[in-house]
Amino acid sequence: MINLIQERATKEQLEEMLEILSSYIKLAVDIERGILAGGGELHADCEAVLLENRSKQVDIWGADWYPLTLISRL
């Protein structure tokens, strides 16, 4: 499931975004608006959600996030 995140992500949103790839999350970030879309199989899936929500292509960057690595360090 792809979530559009405009504030700090909840635990439930993180769990939903991890459903497809299990150990990491594909993200697309609108660096101008300070929002992101996460989840899905491809960065393009997340990018499409941002574009549907009025983001501009030039402002979108893709990333992978491994939240479980961070948790294991705590």
C-alpha atoms as a PDB file:
ATOM      1  CA  MET A   1       0.000   0.000   0.000  1.00  0.00           C
ATOM      2  CA  ILE A   2       1.265   3.477  -0.840  1.00  0.00           C
ATOM      3  CA  ASN A   3       0.781   6.153   1.791  1.00  0.00           C
ATOM      4  CA  LEU A   4       0.978   9.897   1.262  1.00  0.00           C
ATOM      5  CA  ILE A   5       2.794  11.240   4.324  1.00  0.00           C
ATOM      6  CA  GLN A   6       2.413  14.906   5.190  1.00  0.00           C
ATOM      7  CA  GLU A   7       3.288  14.618   8.892  1.00  0.00           C
ATOM      8  CA  ARG A   8       5.267  12.135  10.965  1.00  0.00           C
ATOM      9  CA  ALA A   9       4.342   8.599   9.869  1.00  0.00           C
ATOM     10  CA  THR A  10       2.417   6.452  12.306  1.00  0.00           C
ATOM     11  CA  LYS A  11       3.404   2.896  13.242  1.00  0.00           C
ATOM     12  CA  GLU A  12       0.420   1.633  11.237  1.00  0.00           C
ATOM     13  CA  GLN A  13       1.528   3.552   8.130  1.00  0.00           C
ATOM     14  CA  LEU A  14       5.051   2.114   8.441  1.00  0.00           C
ATOM     15  CA  GLU A  15       3.643  -1.398   8.703  1.00  0.00           C
ATOM     16  CA  GLU A  16       1.465  -0.821   5.616  1.00  0.00           C
ATOM     17  CA  MET A  17       4.423   0.521   3.621  1.00  0.00           C
ATOM     18  CA  LEU A  18       6.512  -2.545   4.578  1.00  0.00           C
ATOM     19  CA  GLU A  19       3.855  -5.014   3.359  1.00  0.00           C
ATOM     20  CA  ILE A  20       5.185  -5.353  -0.204  1.00  0.00           C
ATOM     21  CA  LEU A  21       8.983  -5.488   0.244  1.00  0.00           C
ATOM     22  CA  SER A  22       9.182  -6.509   3.941  1.00  0.00           C
ATOM     23  CA  SER A  23      12.609  -5.116   4.840  1.00  0.00           C
ATOM     24  CA  TYR A  24      12.607  -1.716   3.134  1.00  0.00           C
ATOM     25  CA  ILE A  25      10.304   0.955   1.746  1.00  0.00           C
ATOM     26  CA  LYS A  26      10.401   2.640  -1.649  1.00  0.00           C
ATOM     27  CA  LEU A  27       9.889   6.396  -1.290  1.00  0.00           C
ATOM     28  CA  ALA A  28       9.365   9.406  -3.507  1.00  0.00           C
ATOM     29  CA  VAL A  29       9.867  12.751  -1.805  1.00  0.00           C
ATOM     30  CA  ASP A  30       8.638  16.159  -2.926  1.00  0.00           C
ATOM     31  CA  ILE A  31      11.524  18.247  -1.614  1.00  0.00           C
ATOM     32  CA  GLU A  32       9.711  21.524  -2.281  1.00  0.00           C
ATOM     33  CA  ARG A  33       6.495  20.654  -0.441  1.00  0.00           C
ATOM     34  CA  GLY A  34       8.091  18.509   2.262  1.00  0.00           C
ATOM     35  CA  ILE A  35       5.851  15.468   1.713  1.00  0.00           C
ATOM     36  CA  LEU A  36       6.492  11.917   0.630  1.00  0.00           C
ATOM     37  CA  ALA A  37       4.777   8.857  -0.732  1.00  0.00           C
ATOM     38  CA  GLY A  38       5.983   5.476   0.469  1.00  0.00           C
ATOM     39  CA  GLY A  39       5.237   1.828  -0.236  1.00  0.00           C
ATOM     40  CA  GLY A  40       4.657  -0.109  -3.429  1.00  0.00           C
ATOM     41  CA  GLU A  41       7.167  -2.021  -5.547  1.00  0.00           C
ATOM     42  CA  LEU A  42       8.709   0.857  -7.506  1.00  0.00           C
ATOM     43  CA  HIS A  43       9.715   4.454  -6.931  1.00  0.00           C
ATOM     44  CA  ALA A  44       7.488   5.239  -9.909  1.00  0.00           C
ATOM     45  CA  ASP A  45       4.438   4.004  -7.970  1.00  0.00           C
ATOM     46  CA  CYS A  46       5.166   6.532  -5.222  1.00  0.00           C
ATOM     47  CA  GLU A  47       6.009   9.239  -7.727  1.00  0.00           C
ATOM     48  CA  ALA A  48       2.624   8.771  -9.405  1.00  0.00           C
ATOM     49  CA  VAL A  49       0.850   9.395  -6.078  1.00  0.00           C
ATOM     50  CA  LEU A  50       2.774  12.649  -5.619  1.00  0.00           C
ATOM     51  CA  LEU A  51       2.058  13.782  -9.183  1.00  0.00           C
ATOM     52  CA  GLU A  52      -1.655  13.087  -8.631  1.00  0.00           C
ATOM     53  CA  ASN A  53      -1.432  15.352  -5.571  1.00  0.00           C
ATOM     54  CA  ARG A  54      -0.054  18.386  -7.426  1.00  0.00           C
ATOM     55  CA  SER A  55       3.682  17.776  -7.024  1.00  0.00           C
ATOM     56  CA  LYS A  56       5.986  18.860  -9.836  1.00  0.00           C
ATOM     57  CA  GLN A  57       8.238  16.279 -11.491  1.00  0.00           C
ATOM     58  CA  VAL A  58      11.334  18.426 -10.992  1.00  0.00           C
ATOM     59  CA  ASP A  59      10.799  18.461  -7.200  1.00  0.00           C
ATOM     60  CA  ILE A  60      10.523  14.673  -6.760  1.00  0.00           C
ATOM     61  CA  TRP A  61      13.427  12.487  -5.621  1.00  0.00           C
ATOM     62  CA  GLY A  62      13.390   8.739  -5.000  1.00  0.00           C
ATOM     63  CA  ALA A  63      14.920   6.858  -2.084  1.00  0.00           C
ATOM     64  CA  ASP A  64      14.935   3.522  -0.277  1.00  0.00           C
ATOM     65  CA  TRP A  65      14.480   3.393   3.490  1.00  0.00           C
ATOM     66  CA  TYR A  66      15.440   0.493   5.734  1.00  0.00           C
ATOM     67  CA  PRO A  67      13.528   1.273   8.964  1.00  0.00           C
ATOM     68  CA  LEU A  68      14.207  -2.133  10.521  1.00  0.00           C
ATOM     69  CA  THR A  69      17.963  -1.453  10.428  1.00  0.00           C
ATOM     70  CA  LEU A  70      17.398   1.646  12.523  1.00  0.00           C
ATOM     71  CA  ILE A  71      15.228  -0.235  14.996  1.00  0.00           C
ATOM     72  CA  SER A  72      17.836  -2.965  15.430  1.00  0.00           C
ATOM     73  CA  ARG A  73      20.461  -0.348  16.404  1.00  0.00           C
ATOM     74  CA  LEU A  74      18.384   0.946  19.325  1.00  0.00           C
END
